[in-house]
Amino acid sequence: MTRAVLALGSNLGDRFGQLKAAVRALSDVLLVVSGVYETPPWGDPDQPPYLNAAVLVADERDDPGEWLTRVRSLESGANRARDPDRRYGPRTLDVDVITVTGSDGAPVVSADPDLTLPHPRAHLRAFVLRPWLDIEPYAQLPGHGWVTDLMRTPAVAADLPGLTPRPDLVLEPYE
C-alpha cells in the first residue's frame, strides 16, 4: 500500500466546484482532506487568486507512478490546458503529488523528470504546506524536514499573510 499527499489548486471557472469534483473522484482512496485556502497566484501574478487544499490518499497499488496517472486524469477531466509559455499560469485544476510513502513506510525518493519525489518546490510553497498541516500536523517533507519548521523559513513565511482560510468552503468526498 502506498500513501500520498496531493496538493489541489484551481483559479479558473468554478474554482470550488473543480476542487469538489477532484475530492469526489478520489473518494475511493481518500483518507483525509484539508480546509480550503484562498491564495494569491505564485510565480505568475497576472491571474486570478487560487483556491487550494491538500488530501492524504492511500491505495493497495505499490507503484508511485499510479498517483501521477491518477492526478493527470483528474486534471484532464477538468479540461486542464497546459500553456508551455506560462509554466505557472492559470488553470482549472492543478493536482501535484507532493510525497509518496511506500508500503514499507519509507518515503519514496525519485529524480524521474515526470515524477520527482518529493515535489521539488513544495518546501517553498505556503499554499502547499499550510493545507498539508491540516491533514498531517506532524508531517515531514523528505530531504527538507518538519513542515512546521518549513513554515518559518523566510520564503514561506513571507507568503503566509496572503493565505486566507475559507471555512465557508468545505470539501466533502460524498456530497
N, C-alpha and C. Protein backbone atom coordinates (compact mmCIF):
# COMPACT_ATOMS: atom_id res chain seq x y z
N MET A 1 0.84 -1.18 0.00
CA MET A 1 0.00 0.00 0.00
C MET A 1 0.89 1.24 0.00
N THR A 2 0.54 2.21 -0.82
CA THR A 2 1.23 3.49 -0.81
C THR A 2 0.27 4.56 -0.30
N ARG A 3 0.86 5.57 0.31
CA ARG A 3 0.11 6.76 0.71
C ARG A 3 0.72 7.94 -0.02
N ALA A 4 -0.10 8.93 -0.32
CA ALA A 4 0.41 10.12 -1.00
C ALA A 4 -0.28 11.36 -0.45
N VAL A 5 0.47 12.45 -0.44
CA VAL A 5 -0.09 13.77 -0.17
C VAL A 5 -0.21 14.46 -1.52
N LEU A 6 -1.41 14.90 -1.83
CA LEU A 6 -1.68 15.61 -3.08
C LEU A 6 -2.10 17.03 -2.77
N ALA A 7 -1.58 17.98 -3.52
CA ALA A 7 -1.98 19.38 -3.40
C ALA A 7 -2.93 19.71 -4.54
N LEU A 8 -4.05 20.34 -4.21
CA LEU A 8 -5.07 20.70 -5.19
C LEU A 8 -5.16 22.21 -5.31
N GLY A 9 -5.33 22.70 -6.52
CA GLY A 9 -5.50 24.14 -6.73
C GLY A 9 -6.33 24.42 -7.96
N SER A 10 -7.06 25.53 -7.91
CA SER A 10 -7.87 25.95 -9.06
C SER A 10 -8.04 27.47 -9.02
N ASN A 11 -7.90 28.10 -10.21
CA ASN A 11 -8.17 29.54 -10.25
C ASN A 11 -8.92 29.96 -11.51
N LEU A 12 -9.47 29.01 -12.23
CA LEU A 12 -10.29 29.34 -13.41
C LEU A 12 -11.65 28.67 -13.30
N GLY A 13 -12.67 29.36 -13.76
CA GLY A 13 -14.01 28.78 -13.76
C GLY A 13 -14.55 28.64 -12.34
N ASP A 14 -15.29 27.57 -12.11
CA ASP A 14 -15.87 27.28 -10.81
C ASP A 14 -14.78 26.64 -9.95
N ARG A 15 -13.97 27.48 -9.32
CA ARG A 15 -12.81 27.00 -8.56
C ARG A 15 -13.20 25.97 -7.51
N PHE A 16 -14.20 26.28 -6.70
CA PHE A 16 -14.60 25.36 -5.64
C PHE A 16 -15.22 24.10 -6.24
N GLY A 17 -15.97 24.25 -7.30
CA GLY A 17 -16.55 23.08 -7.97
C GLY A 17 -15.48 22.14 -8.50
N GLN A 18 -14.39 22.70 -9.01
CA GLN A 18 -13.29 21.86 -9.51
C GLN A 18 -12.65 21.08 -8.36
N LEU A 19 -12.44 21.75 -7.23
CA LEU A 19 -11.86 21.06 -6.08
C LEU A 19 -12.80 19.98 -5.56
N LYS A 20 -14.09 20.30 -5.48
CA LYS A 20 -15.07 19.30 -5.02
C LYS A 20 -15.08 18.08 -5.93
N ALA A 21 -15.04 18.31 -7.24
CA ALA A 21 -15.04 17.19 -8.18
C ALA A 21 -13.80 16.32 -8.01
N ALA A 22 -12.66 16.94 -7.78
CA ALA A 22 -11.42 16.18 -7.59
C ALA A 22 -11.50 15.33 -6.31
N VAL A 23 -12.00 15.92 -5.23
CA VAL A 23 -12.12 15.18 -3.97
C VAL A 23 -13.11 14.03 -4.13
N ARG A 24 -14.21 14.25 -4.80
CA ARG A 24 -15.17 13.16 -5.04
C ARG A 24 -14.54 12.06 -5.87
N ALA A 25 -13.75 12.43 -6.88
CA ALA A 25 -13.11 11.43 -7.74
C ALA A 25 -12.06 10.62 -6.98
N LEU A 26 -11.57 11.15 -5.88
CA LEU A 26 -10.59 10.44 -5.05
C LEU A 26 -11.22 9.72 -3.87
N SER A 27 -12.54 9.73 -3.78
CA SER A 27 -13.22 9.22 -2.57
C SER A 27 -12.88 7.76 -2.28
N ASP A 28 -12.54 6.97 -3.29
CA ASP A 28 -12.22 5.56 -3.05
C ASP A 28 -10.86 5.36 -2.39
N VAL A 29 -10.02 6.38 -2.39
CA VAL A 29 -8.68 6.27 -1.78
C VAL A 29 -8.44 7.36 -0.73
N LEU A 30 -9.40 8.21 -0.52
CA LEU A 30 -9.24 9.38 0.35
C LEU A 30 -9.22 9.00 1.83
N LEU A 31 -8.22 9.49 2.54
CA LEU A 31 -8.16 9.31 3.99
C LEU A 31 -8.62 10.57 4.71
N VAL A 32 -8.13 11.74 4.26
CA VAL A 32 -8.50 13.00 4.91
C VAL A 32 -8.27 14.15 3.94
N VAL A 33 -9.07 15.20 4.11
CA VAL A 33 -8.96 16.39 3.26
C VAL A 33 -8.81 17.62 4.14
N SER A 34 -7.99 18.56 3.68
CA SER A 34 -7.73 19.78 4.45
C SER A 34 -8.86 20.78 4.28
N GLY A 35 -8.70 21.88 4.99
CA GLY A 35 -9.54 23.03 4.74
C GLY A 35 -9.14 23.67 3.41
N VAL A 36 -9.94 24.63 2.98
CA VAL A 36 -9.69 25.34 1.73
C VAL A 36 -9.09 26.70 2.08
N TYR A 37 -8.11 27.10 1.27
CA TYR A 37 -7.44 28.40 1.44
C TYR A 37 -7.49 29.15 0.12
N GLU A 38 -7.79 30.45 0.21
CA GLU A 38 -7.69 31.29 -0.97
C GLU A 38 -6.30 31.91 -0.95
N THR A 39 -5.62 31.84 -2.08
CA THR A 39 -4.23 32.26 -2.13
C THR A 39 -3.94 33.09 -3.37
N PRO A 40 -3.02 34.02 -3.26
CA PRO A 40 -2.62 34.75 -4.47
C PRO A 40 -1.85 33.80 -5.39
N PRO A 41 -1.83 34.10 -6.68
CA PRO A 41 -1.07 33.25 -7.61
C PRO A 41 0.41 33.29 -7.27
N TRP A 42 1.08 32.19 -7.57
CA TRP A 42 2.50 32.05 -7.25
C TRP A 42 3.28 31.90 -8.55
N GLY A 43 4.32 32.69 -8.72
CA GLY A 43 5.19 32.54 -9.89
C GLY A 43 4.74 33.28 -11.13
N ASP A 44 3.49 33.71 -11.18
CA ASP A 44 2.93 34.42 -12.33
C ASP A 44 1.77 35.25 -11.80
N PRO A 45 2.02 36.50 -11.40
CA PRO A 45 1.00 37.28 -10.70
C PRO A 45 -0.18 37.76 -11.55
N ASP A 46 -0.09 37.67 -12.85
CA ASP A 46 -1.13 38.20 -13.72
C ASP A 46 -2.22 37.16 -13.96
N GLN A 47 -2.96 36.81 -12.89
CA GLN A 47 -4.03 35.82 -12.97
C GLN A 47 -4.87 35.90 -11.71
N PRO A 48 -6.05 35.27 -11.73
CA PRO A 48 -6.92 35.32 -10.56
C PRO A 48 -6.36 34.53 -9.37
N PRO A 49 -6.89 34.79 -8.17
CA PRO A 49 -6.45 34.02 -7.00
C PRO A 49 -6.89 32.56 -7.09
N TYR A 50 -6.20 31.73 -6.34
CA TYR A 50 -6.46 30.29 -6.30
C TYR A 50 -7.27 29.91 -5.08
N LEU A 51 -7.93 28.78 -5.19
CA LEU A 51 -8.38 28.03 -4.03
C LEU A 51 -7.47 26.82 -3.96
N ASN A 52 -6.94 26.54 -2.76
CA ASN A 52 -6.02 25.43 -2.57
C ASN A 52 -6.46 24.55 -1.41
N ALA A 53 -6.10 23.27 -1.51
CA ALA A 53 -6.35 22.29 -0.45
C ALA A 53 -5.33 21.18 -0.60
N ALA A 54 -5.33 20.27 0.36
CA ALA A 54 -4.45 19.10 0.30
C ALA A 54 -5.26 17.88 0.74
N VAL A 55 -4.88 16.72 0.21
CA VAL A 55 -5.53 15.48 0.59
C VAL A 55 -4.47 14.42 0.88
N LEU A 56 -4.81 13.51 1.77
CA LEU A 56 -4.00 12.33 2.04
C LEU A 56 -4.78 11.15 1.49
N VAL A 57 -4.13 10.38 0.63
CA VAL A 57 -4.78 9.25 -0.03
C VAL A 57 -3.93 7.99 0.17
N ALA A 58 -4.57 6.82 0.04
CA ALA A 58 -3.85 5.55 0.16
C ALA A 58 -4.49 4.54 -0.78
N ASP A 59 -3.63 3.66 -1.31
CA ASP A 59 -4.11 2.65 -2.25
C ASP A 59 -3.26 1.40 -2.12
N GLU A 60 -3.84 0.27 -2.45
CA GLU A 60 -3.13 -1.00 -2.39
C GLU A 60 -2.01 -1.10 -3.43
N ARG A 61 -2.15 -0.38 -4.53
CA ARG A 61 -1.11 -0.44 -5.57
C ARG A 61 0.20 0.12 -5.02
N ASP A 62 1.28 -0.52 -5.38
CA ASP A 62 2.56 -0.15 -4.80
C ASP A 62 3.43 0.70 -5.74
N ASP A 63 2.89 1.08 -6.88
CA ASP A 63 3.66 1.87 -7.85
C ASP A 63 3.36 3.35 -7.67
N PRO A 64 4.35 4.16 -7.23
CA PRO A 64 4.12 5.59 -7.06
C PRO A 64 3.64 6.28 -8.34
N GLY A 65 4.02 5.74 -9.50
CA GLY A 65 3.58 6.32 -10.76
C GLY A 65 2.08 6.28 -10.95
N GLU A 66 1.41 5.38 -10.23
CA GLU A 66 -0.07 5.32 -10.31
C GLU A 66 -0.69 6.63 -9.82
N TRP A 67 -0.04 7.27 -8.85
CA TRP A 67 -0.58 8.55 -8.36
C TRP A 67 -0.48 9.62 -9.45
N LEU A 68 0.61 9.62 -10.19
CA LEU A 68 0.75 10.59 -11.28
C LEU A 68 -0.31 10.34 -12.34
N THR A 69 -0.53 9.10 -12.69
CA THR A 69 -1.57 8.76 -13.66
C THR A 69 -2.93 9.25 -13.18
N ARG A 70 -3.19 9.04 -11.91
CA ARG A 70 -4.49 9.44 -11.36
C ARG A 70 -4.66 10.96 -11.35
N VAL A 71 -3.62 11.71 -10.96
CA VAL A 71 -3.78 13.16 -10.91
C VAL A 71 -3.89 13.75 -12.32
N ARG A 72 -3.17 13.19 -13.25
CA ARG A 72 -3.31 13.68 -14.64
C ARG A 72 -4.71 13.42 -15.18
N SER A 73 -5.30 12.32 -14.78
CA SER A 73 -6.68 12.04 -15.19
C SER A 73 -7.64 13.05 -14.58
N LEU A 74 -7.41 13.43 -13.32
CA LEU A 74 -8.24 14.45 -12.69
C LEU A 74 -8.13 15.78 -13.43
N GLU A 75 -6.90 16.16 -13.75
CA GLU A 75 -6.68 17.42 -14.46
C GLU A 75 -7.33 17.38 -15.84
N SER A 76 -7.19 16.27 -16.52
CA SER A 76 -7.79 16.12 -17.85
C SER A 76 -9.32 16.23 -17.76
N GLY A 77 -9.90 15.61 -16.75
CA GLY A 77 -11.34 15.68 -16.55
C GLY A 77 -11.84 17.08 -16.29
N ALA A 78 -10.95 17.94 -15.79
CA ALA A 78 -11.29 19.34 -15.52
C ALA A 78 -10.91 20.24 -16.70
N ASN A 79 -10.56 19.61 -17.83
CA ASN A 79 -10.16 20.36 -19.03
C ASN A 79 -8.96 21.26 -18.79
N ARG A 80 -8.01 20.76 -18.03
CA ARG A 80 -6.77 21.50 -17.78
C ARG A 80 -6.00 21.65 -19.09
N ALA A 81 -5.65 22.87 -19.40
CA ALA A 81 -4.84 23.15 -20.59
C ALA A 81 -3.48 23.67 -20.12
N ARG A 82 -2.42 23.04 -20.56
CA ARG A 82 -1.07 23.47 -20.18
C ARG A 82 -0.54 24.43 -21.24
N ASP A 83 -0.12 25.60 -20.80
CA ASP A 83 0.45 26.61 -21.68
C ASP A 83 1.96 26.59 -21.49
N PRO A 84 2.72 26.09 -22.47
CA PRO A 84 4.17 25.99 -22.29
C PRO A 84 4.85 27.34 -22.06
N ASP A 85 4.20 28.42 -22.45
CA ASP A 85 4.78 29.75 -22.25
C ASP A 85 4.47 30.33 -20.87
N ARG A 86 3.56 29.68 -20.12
CA ARG A 86 3.19 30.15 -18.78
C ARG A 86 3.21 28.97 -17.82
N ARG A 87 4.39 28.59 -17.40
CA ARG A 87 4.54 27.42 -16.52
C ARG A 87 3.67 27.53 -15.27
N TYR A 88 3.57 28.72 -14.71
CA TYR A 88 2.77 28.92 -13.51
C TYR A 88 1.48 29.69 -13.81
N GLY A 89 1.00 29.52 -15.02
CA GLY A 89 -0.20 30.24 -15.45
C GLY A 89 -1.48 29.68 -14.84
N PRO A 90 -2.60 30.30 -15.16
CA PRO A 90 -3.89 29.90 -14.59
C PRO A 90 -4.30 28.50 -15.05
N ARG A 91 -5.14 27.88 -14.23
CA ARG A 91 -5.58 26.52 -14.55
C ARG A 91 -6.92 26.20 -13.88
N THR A 92 -7.68 25.39 -14.57
CA THR A 92 -8.95 24.93 -14.00
C THR A 92 -8.70 24.03 -12.80
N LEU A 93 -7.70 23.15 -12.92
CA LEU A 93 -7.35 22.27 -11.83
C LEU A 93 -5.88 21.91 -11.93
N ASP A 94 -5.19 22.03 -10.82
CA ASP A 94 -3.79 21.61 -10.73
C ASP A 94 -3.71 20.65 -9.56
N VAL A 95 -3.18 19.47 -9.81
CA VAL A 95 -3.00 18.48 -8.75
C VAL A 95 -1.55 18.04 -8.79
N ASP A 96 -0.84 18.25 -7.69
CA ASP A 96 0.57 17.86 -7.60
C ASP A 96 0.73 16.73 -6.58
N VAL A 97 1.56 15.76 -6.93
CA VAL A 97 1.96 14.72 -6.00
C VAL A 97 3.11 15.30 -5.18
N ILE A 98 2.88 15.51 -3.89
CA ILE A 98 3.88 16.14 -3.03
C ILE A 98 4.82 15.10 -2.44
N THR A 99 4.27 14.08 -1.84
CA THR A 99 5.07 12.98 -1.29
C THR A 99 4.34 11.67 -1.50
N VAL A 100 5.12 10.61 -1.54
CA VAL A 100 4.57 9.25 -1.56
C VAL A 100 5.34 8.45 -0.52
N THR A 101 4.60 7.68 0.26
CA THR A 101 5.19 6.77 1.23
C THR A 101 4.93 5.36 0.75
N GLY A 102 5.99 4.56 0.62
CA GLY A 102 5.86 3.21 0.11
C GLY A 102 5.23 2.25 1.11
N SER A 103 4.97 1.04 0.67
CA SER A 103 4.35 0.04 1.53
C SER A 103 5.24 -0.32 2.71
N ASP A 104 6.53 -0.06 2.61
CA ASP A 104 7.45 -0.32 3.71
C ASP A 104 7.49 0.82 4.73
N GLY A 105 6.71 1.89 4.49
CA GLY A 105 6.67 3.03 5.39
C GLY A 105 7.74 4.07 5.14
N ALA A 106 8.59 3.83 4.16
CA ALA A 106 9.67 4.77 3.84
C ALA A 106 9.22 5.74 2.76
N PRO A 107 9.70 6.99 2.82
CA PRO A 107 9.36 7.93 1.76
C PRO A 107 9.98 7.49 0.44
N VAL A 108 9.23 7.68 -0.62
CA VAL A 108 9.72 7.38 -1.96
C VAL A 108 10.49 8.61 -2.45
N VAL A 109 11.70 8.38 -2.92
CA VAL A 109 12.52 9.45 -3.48
C VAL A 109 12.76 9.10 -4.93
N SER A 110 12.50 10.07 -5.82
CA SER A 110 12.63 9.81 -7.25
C SER A 110 13.12 11.08 -7.95
N ALA A 111 14.07 10.90 -8.86
CA ALA A 111 14.56 12.01 -9.68
C ALA A 111 13.98 11.96 -11.09
N ASP A 112 13.01 11.09 -11.30
CA ASP A 112 12.37 10.98 -12.61
C ASP A 112 11.76 12.34 -12.97
N PRO A 113 12.05 12.87 -14.17
CA PRO A 113 11.52 14.19 -14.52
C PRO A 113 9.99 14.23 -14.58
N ASP A 114 9.35 13.09 -14.82
CA ASP A 114 7.88 13.06 -14.83
C ASP A 114 7.29 13.03 -13.43
N LEU A 115 7.99 12.41 -12.49
CA LEU A 115 7.50 12.32 -11.12
C LEU A 115 8.68 12.43 -10.16
N THR A 116 9.09 13.66 -9.88
CA THR A 116 10.16 13.92 -8.93
C THR A 116 9.54 13.90 -7.53
N LEU A 117 10.10 13.07 -6.66
CA LEU A 117 9.59 12.94 -5.29
C LEU A 117 10.71 13.10 -4.30
N PRO A 118 10.45 13.85 -3.23
CA PRO A 118 9.25 14.67 -3.03
C PRO A 118 9.19 15.79 -4.08
N HIS A 119 8.04 16.43 -4.15
CA HIS A 119 7.87 17.53 -5.10
C HIS A 119 9.02 18.53 -4.90
N PRO A 120 9.71 18.91 -5.97
CA PRO A 120 10.93 19.71 -5.81
C PRO A 120 10.75 21.14 -5.30
N ARG A 121 9.54 21.67 -5.33
CA ARG A 121 9.34 23.04 -4.86
C ARG A 121 8.35 23.14 -3.70
N ALA A 122 7.90 22.01 -3.18
CA ALA A 122 6.91 22.02 -2.09
C ALA A 122 7.41 22.80 -0.88
N HIS A 123 8.71 22.71 -0.59
CA HIS A 123 9.25 23.37 0.61
C HIS A 123 9.22 24.89 0.52
N LEU A 124 8.91 25.42 -0.66
CA LEU A 124 8.88 26.87 -0.88
C LEU A 124 7.46 27.43 -0.93
N ARG A 125 6.46 26.58 -0.84
CA ARG A 125 5.10 26.99 -1.15
C ARG A 125 4.17 26.93 0.06
N ALA A 126 3.83 28.08 0.57
CA ALA A 126 2.90 28.16 1.70
C ALA A 126 1.55 27.55 1.32
N PHE A 127 1.13 27.70 0.08
CA PHE A 127 -0.17 27.19 -0.34
C PHE A 127 -0.21 25.66 -0.40
N VAL A 128 0.95 25.01 -0.32
CA VAL A 128 1.02 23.55 -0.20
C VAL A 128 1.19 23.16 1.27
N LEU A 129 2.12 23.82 1.95
CA LEU A 129 2.47 23.43 3.30
C LEU A 129 1.35 23.69 4.32
N ARG A 130 0.69 24.83 4.21
CA ARG A 130 -0.35 25.16 5.21
C ARG A 130 -1.51 24.17 5.16
N PRO A 131 -2.10 23.88 3.99
CA PRO A 131 -3.16 22.87 3.98
C PRO A 131 -2.66 21.49 4.41
N TRP A 132 -1.42 21.16 4.08
CA TRP A 132 -0.87 19.87 4.48
C TRP A 132 -0.87 19.72 5.99
N LEU A 133 -0.57 20.79 6.71
CA LEU A 133 -0.59 20.73 8.17
C LEU A 133 -1.98 20.42 8.71
N ASP A 134 -3.01 20.80 8.00
CA ASP A 134 -4.38 20.47 8.41
C ASP A 134 -4.57 18.96 8.50
N ILE A 135 -3.97 18.23 7.58
CA ILE A 135 -4.22 16.79 7.48
C ILE A 135 -3.14 15.94 8.13
N GLU A 136 -1.94 16.49 8.31
CA GLU A 136 -0.84 15.79 8.97
C GLU A 136 -0.03 16.79 9.79
N PRO A 137 -0.48 17.06 11.02
CA PRO A 137 0.20 18.08 11.83
C PRO A 137 1.67 17.79 12.11
N TYR A 138 2.08 16.53 12.02
CA TYR A 138 3.47 16.17 12.29
C TYR A 138 4.18 15.73 11.01
N ALA A 139 3.78 16.31 9.89
CA ALA A 139 4.34 15.93 8.59
C ALA A 139 5.80 16.34 8.47
N GLN A 140 6.51 15.51 7.73
CA GLN A 140 7.89 15.82 7.36
C GLN A 140 8.00 15.72 5.84
N LEU A 141 8.68 16.68 5.26
CA LEU A 141 8.96 16.66 3.83
C LEU A 141 10.34 16.04 3.65
N PRO A 142 10.41 14.85 3.06
CA PRO A 142 11.71 14.18 2.93
C PRO A 142 12.77 15.10 2.31
N GLY A 143 13.92 15.14 2.96
CA GLY A 143 15.03 15.95 2.49
C GLY A 143 14.98 17.40 2.95
N HIS A 144 13.86 17.80 3.58
CA HIS A 144 13.70 19.19 4.00
C HIS A 144 13.31 19.35 5.47
N GLY A 145 12.77 18.32 6.08
CA GLY A 145 12.45 18.38 7.49
C GLY A 145 10.98 18.56 7.79
N TRP A 146 10.73 18.97 9.02
CA TRP A 146 9.37 19.14 9.51
C TRP A 146 8.66 20.27 8.77
N VAL A 147 7.42 20.03 8.41
CA VAL A 147 6.64 21.05 7.71
C VAL A 147 6.45 22.27 8.60
N THR A 148 6.27 22.06 9.90
CA THR A 148 6.12 23.21 10.81
C THR A 148 7.37 24.10 10.77
N ASP A 149 8.54 23.49 10.66
CA ASP A 149 9.77 24.29 10.56
C ASP A 149 9.85 25.00 9.21
N LEU A 150 9.43 24.33 8.15
CA LEU A 150 9.46 24.95 6.81
C LEU A 150 8.54 26.16 6.75
N MET A 151 7.48 26.17 7.54
CA MET A 151 6.55 27.30 7.56
C MET A 151 7.23 28.57 8.06
N ARG A 152 8.32 28.41 8.80
CA ARG A 152 9.02 29.57 9.37
C ARG A 152 10.19 30.04 8.51
N THR A 153 10.45 29.36 7.41
CA THR A 153 11.54 29.82 6.54
C THR A 153 11.13 31.14 5.89
N PRO A 154 12.08 32.01 5.56
CA PRO A 154 11.73 33.32 5.02
C PRO A 154 10.83 33.26 3.78
N ALA A 155 11.10 32.36 2.86
CA ALA A 155 10.30 32.30 1.62
C ALA A 155 8.85 31.95 1.90
N VAL A 156 8.63 30.99 2.79
CA VAL A 156 7.26 30.56 3.10
C VAL A 156 6.58 31.57 4.01
N ALA A 157 7.28 32.02 5.04
CA ALA A 157 6.69 32.98 5.99
C ALA A 157 6.24 34.26 5.29
N ALA A 158 6.95 34.67 4.25
CA ALA A 158 6.57 35.88 3.52
C ALA A 158 5.25 35.69 2.77
N ASP A 159 4.94 34.46 2.40
CA ASP A 159 3.69 34.19 1.66
C ASP A 159 2.50 33.92 2.56
N LEU A 160 2.74 33.55 3.81
CA LEU A 160 1.64 33.17 4.70
C LEU A 160 0.57 34.24 4.89
N PRO A 161 0.93 35.52 5.01
CA PRO A 161 -0.12 36.53 5.19
C PRO A 161 -1.12 36.58 4.03
N GLY A 162 -0.72 36.10 2.86
CA GLY A 162 -1.62 36.11 1.70
C GLY A 162 -2.60 34.97 1.66
N LEU A 163 -2.43 33.96 2.55
CA LEU A 163 -3.35 32.82 2.59
C LEU A 163 -4.56 33.17 3.44
N THR A 164 -5.73 32.98 2.89
CA THR A 164 -6.96 33.26 3.62
C THR A 164 -7.73 31.97 3.81
N PRO A 165 -7.90 31.51 5.06
CA PRO A 165 -8.73 30.32 5.28
C PRO A 165 -10.15 30.59 4.81
N ARG A 166 -10.76 29.60 4.19
CA ARG A 166 -12.14 29.73 3.72
C ARG A 166 -13.03 28.68 4.40
N PRO A 167 -13.36 28.90 5.67
CA PRO A 167 -14.19 27.91 6.39
C PRO A 167 -15.60 27.78 5.80
N ASP A 168 -15.99 28.72 4.96
CA ASP A 168 -17.29 28.64 4.30
C ASP A 168 -17.28 27.62 3.15
N LEU A 169 -16.10 27.15 2.76
CA LEU A 169 -15.98 26.17 1.68
C LEU A 169 -15.43 24.87 2.27
N VAL A 170 -16.28 23.86 2.36
CA VAL A 170 -15.88 22.58 2.96
C VAL A 170 -15.92 21.51 1.90
N LEU A 171 -14.82 20.82 1.75
CA LEU A 171 -14.72 19.74 0.76
C LEU A 171 -15.15 18.43 1.39
N GLU A 172 -16.24 17.90 0.90
CA GLU A 172 -16.79 16.62 1.39
C GLU A 172 -16.70 15.60 0.25
N PRO A 173 -16.15 14.43 0.51
CA PRO A 173 -15.96 13.45 -0.58
C PRO A 173 -17.26 12.80 -1.04
N TYR A 174 -18.30 12.87 -0.24
CA TYR A 174 -19.51 12.11 -0.59
C TYR A 174 -20.73 12.98 -0.78
N GLU A 175 -20.54 14.22 -1.19
CA GLU A 175 -21.68 15.13 -1.41
C GLU A 175 -22.48 14.68 -2.62
